[in-house]
C-alpha atoms as a PDB file:
ATOM      1  CA  MET A   1     116.694  85.588  84.501  1.00  0.00           C
ATOM      2  CA  VAL A   2     114.425  82.900  85.878  1.00  0.00           C
ATOM      3  CA  ARG A   3     116.081  80.031  87.701  1.00  0.00           C
ATOM      4  CA  GLY A   4     114.756  76.525  87.772  1.00  0.00           C
ATOM      5  CA  GLY A   5     114.068  73.577  85.559  1.00  0.00           C
ATOM      6  CA  LYS A   6     111.799  73.305  82.568  1.00  0.00           C
ATOM      7  CA  ARG A   7     109.554  70.720  84.169  1.00  0.00           C
ATOM      8  CA  GLU A   8     106.659  71.742  86.386  1.00  0.00           C
ATOM      9  CA  ASN A   9     107.464  71.954  90.121  1.00  0.00           C
ATOM     10  CA  SER A  10     111.209  71.792  89.475  1.00  0.00           C
ATOM     11  CA  GLY A  11     113.760  74.397  90.512  1.00  0.00           C
ATOM     12  CA  ARG A  12     113.908  76.684  93.504  1.00  0.00           C
ATOM     13  CA  LYS A  13     111.060  76.944  95.971  1.00  0.00           C
ATOM     14  CA  LYS A  14     109.602  80.432  96.285  1.00  0.00           C
ATOM     15  CA  ILE A  15     109.203  81.921  99.746  1.00  0.00           C
ATOM     16  CA  GLU A  16     105.818  83.549 100.177  1.00  0.00           C
ATOM     17  CA  GLY A  17     105.602  86.710 102.216  1.00  0.00           C
ATOM     18  CA  LYS A  18     106.527  90.357 102.313  1.00  0.00           C
ATOM     19  CA  LYS A  19     110.015  91.741 101.677  1.00  0.00           C
ATOM     20  CA  ILE A  20     111.330  93.840 104.537  1.00  0.00           C
ATOM     21  CA  LYS A  21     114.487  95.945 104.455  1.00  0.00           C
ATOM     22  CA  VAL A  22     116.231  96.110 107.839  1.00  0.00           C
ATOM     23  CA  ILE A  23     119.554  97.681 108.796  1.00  0.00           C
ATOM     24  CA  LEU A  24     121.513  95.870 111.525  1.00  0.00           C
ATOM     25  CA  ASP A  25     124.609  97.040 113.354  1.00  0.00           C
ATOM     26  CA  LYS A  26     127.842  95.051 113.089  1.00  0.00           C
ATOM     27  CA  GLU A  27     127.559  93.575 116.594  1.00  0.00           C
ATOM     28  CA  MET A  28     124.114  92.115 115.827  1.00  0.00           C
ATOM     29  CA  ILE A  29     125.364  90.601 112.556  1.00  0.00           C
ATOM     30  CA  ILE A  30     128.315  88.981 114.341  1.00  0.00           C
ATOM     31  CA  LYS A  31     126.024  87.513 117.044  1.00  0.00           C
ATOM     32  CA  ILE A  32     123.624  86.098 114.437  1.00  0.00           C
ATOM     33  CA  ASN A  33     126.481  84.544 112.431  1.00  0.00           C
ATOM     34  CA  LYS A  34     127.933  82.908 115.584  1.00  0.00           C
ATOM     35  CA  ASN A  35     124.693  81.632 117.143  1.00  0.00           C
ATOM     36  CA  ILE A  36     122.326  80.761 114.289  1.00  0.00           C
ATOM     37  CA  ILE A  37     122.930  77.949 111.791  1.00  0.00           C
ATOM     38  CA  GLY A  38     121.941  78.398 108.155  1.00  0.00           C
ATOM     39  CA  LYS A  39     123.263  78.416 104.604  1.00  0.00           C
ATOM     40  CA  THR A  40     122.568  82.071 103.828  1.00  0.00           C
ATOM     41  CA  PHE A  41     122.320  85.142 106.012  1.00  0.00           C
ATOM     42  CA  SER A  42     118.648  85.514 105.044  1.00  0.00           C
ATOM     43  CA  GLU A  43     117.975  81.997 106.299  1.00  0.00           C
ATOM     44  CA  LYS A  44     119.797  82.808 109.549  1.00  0.00           C
ATOM     45  CA  ILE A  45     117.671  85.943 110.015  1.00  0.00           C
ATOM     46  CA  ARG A  46     114.445  83.934 109.465  1.00  0.00           C
ATOM     47  CA  LYS A  47     115.532  81.281 111.983  1.00  0.00           C
ATOM     48  CA  CYS A  48     116.530  83.974 114.477  1.00  0.00           C
ATOM     49  CA  LEU A  49     113.106  85.622 114.221  1.00  0.00           C
ATOM     50  CA  GLU A  50     111.298  82.279 114.556  1.00  0.00           C
ATOM     51  CA  LYS A  51     113.404  81.388 117.597  1.00  0.00           C
ATOM     52  CA  GLY A  52     112.669  84.744 119.213  1.00  0.00           C
ATOM     53  CA  LEU A  53     108.927  84.464 118.576  1.00  0.00           C
ATOM     54  CA  ASN A  54     108.757  80.882 119.882  1.00  0.00           C
ATOM     55  CA  ASN A  55     110.552  81.707 123.164  1.00  0.00           C
ATOM     56  CA  ASP A  56     107.418  83.285 124.660  1.00  0.00           C
END
């Protein structure tokens, strides 16, 4: 089922990129949930990766 409106450029924004399946232990999940702000866990993971890459 496709989500979004009938008009052009309406609805959800697609995220371009490659899907990656990663398994995290419970401790890592708890740390991410406590320290990273975001609506969904996927968004928190993306922000966590960006933050880690930008700390160089």
